[in-house]
């Protein structure tokens, strides 16, 4: 499979389910912000474990 074939299959998959209504710049930015928050939390806990005396 080449990358164009995979991209076309993913696009068709999303179109069949009408997922494009959820793919806005705002929703993408909000999803990234949520993921960054989760990663920051993991990093905070890890830093506390390694640097607690």
C-alpha atoms as a PDB file:
ATOM      1  CA  UNK A   1       0.000   0.000   0.000  1.00  0.00           C
ATOM      2  CA  UNK A   2       1.252   3.474  -0.771  1.00  0.00           C
ATOM      3  CA  UNK A   3       0.587   6.594   1.287  1.00  0.00           C
ATOM      4  CA  UNK A   4      -1.905   8.073  -1.200  1.00  0.00           C
ATOM      5  CA  UNK A   5      -3.998   4.904  -1.063  1.00  0.00           C
ATOM      6  CA  UNK A   6      -4.043   4.997   2.735  1.00  0.00           C
ATOM      7  CA  UNK A   7      -4.980   8.703   2.764  1.00  0.00           C
ATOM      8  CA  UNK A   8      -7.836   8.076   0.324  1.00  0.00           C
ATOM      9  CA  UNK A   9      -9.158   5.178   2.422  1.00  0.00           C
ATOM     10  CA  UNK A  10      -9.045   7.283   5.590  1.00  0.00           C
ATOM     11  CA  UNK A  11     -10.816  10.179   3.876  1.00  0.00           C
ATOM     12  CA  UNK A  12     -13.534   7.861   2.551  1.00  0.00           C
ATOM     13  CA  UNK A  13     -13.893   6.266   6.001  1.00  0.00           C
ATOM     14  CA  UNK A  14     -14.436   9.696   7.611  1.00  0.00           C
ATOM     15  CA  UNK A  15     -16.834  10.839   4.864  1.00  0.00           C
ATOM     16  CA  UNK A  16     -18.996   7.723   5.243  1.00  0.00           C
ATOM     17  CA  UNK A  17     -19.425   8.545   8.946  1.00  0.00           C
ATOM     18  CA  UNK A  18     -19.837  12.325   8.439  1.00  0.00           C
ATOM     19  CA  UNK A  19     -16.873  12.991  10.710  1.00  0.00           C
ATOM     20  CA  UNK A  20     -15.808  16.027   8.695  1.00  0.00           C
ATOM     21  CA  UNK A  21     -18.242  18.152  10.719  1.00  0.00           C
ATOM     22  CA  UNK A  22     -15.912  17.694  13.703  1.00  0.00           C
ATOM     23  CA  UNK A  23     -12.689  18.526  11.847  1.00  0.00           C
ATOM     24  CA  UNK A  24     -12.396  22.269  12.301  1.00  0.00           C
ATOM     25  CA  UNK A  25      -9.324  24.291  13.280  1.00  0.00           C
ATOM     26  CA  UNK A  26     -10.946  25.054  16.628  1.00  0.00           C
ATOM     27  CA  UNK A  27     -11.597  21.393  17.438  1.00  0.00           C
ATOM     28  CA  UNK A  28      -8.084  20.437  16.363  1.00  0.00           C
ATOM     29  CA  UNK A  29      -6.559  23.139  18.590  1.00  0.00           C
ATOM     30  CA  UNK A  30      -8.719  22.070  21.538  1.00  0.00           C
ATOM     31  CA  UNK A  31      -7.710  18.426  21.099  1.00  0.00           C
ATOM     32  CA  UNK A  32      -4.020  19.343  20.981  1.00  0.00           C
ATOM     33  CA  UNK A  33      -4.387  21.499  24.103  1.00  0.00           C
ATOM     34  CA  UNK A  34      -5.979  18.581  25.941  1.00  0.00           C
ATOM     35  CA  UNK A  35      -3.181  16.232  24.930  1.00  0.00           C
ATOM     36  CA  UNK A  36      -0.534  18.773  25.980  1.00  0.00           C
ATOM     37  CA  UNK A  37      -2.208  19.043  29.377  1.00  0.00           C
ATOM     38  CA  UNK A  38      -2.115  15.277  29.849  1.00  0.00           C
ATOM     39  CA  UNK A  39       1.550  15.099  28.847  1.00  0.00           C
ATOM     40  CA  UNK A  40       2.389  17.977  31.184  1.00  0.00           C
ATOM     41  CA  UNK A  41       0.723  16.165  34.057  1.00  0.00           C
ATOM     42  CA  UNK A  42       2.752  13.031  33.391  1.00  0.00           C
ATOM     43  CA  UNK A  43       5.918  15.119  33.228  1.00  0.00           C
ATOM     44  CA  UNK A  44       5.107  16.847  36.536  1.00  0.00           C
ATOM     45  CA  UNK A  45       4.554  13.543  38.321  1.00  0.00           C
ATOM     46  CA  UNK A  46       7.734  12.092  36.844  1.00  0.00           C
ATOM     47  CA  UNK A  47       9.776  15.118  37.889  1.00  0.00           C
ATOM     48  CA  UNK A  48       8.403  14.936  41.448  1.00  0.00           C
ATOM     49  CA  UNK A  49       9.361  11.263  41.712  1.00  0.00           C
ATOM     50  CA  UNK A  50      12.906  11.779  40.440  1.00  0.00           C
ATOM     51  CA  UNK A  51      13.669  14.988  42.315  1.00  0.00           C
ATOM     52  CA  UNK A  52      11.925  14.449  45.652  1.00  0.00           C
ATOM     53  CA  UNK A  53      14.277  14.142  48.623  1.00  0.00           C
END
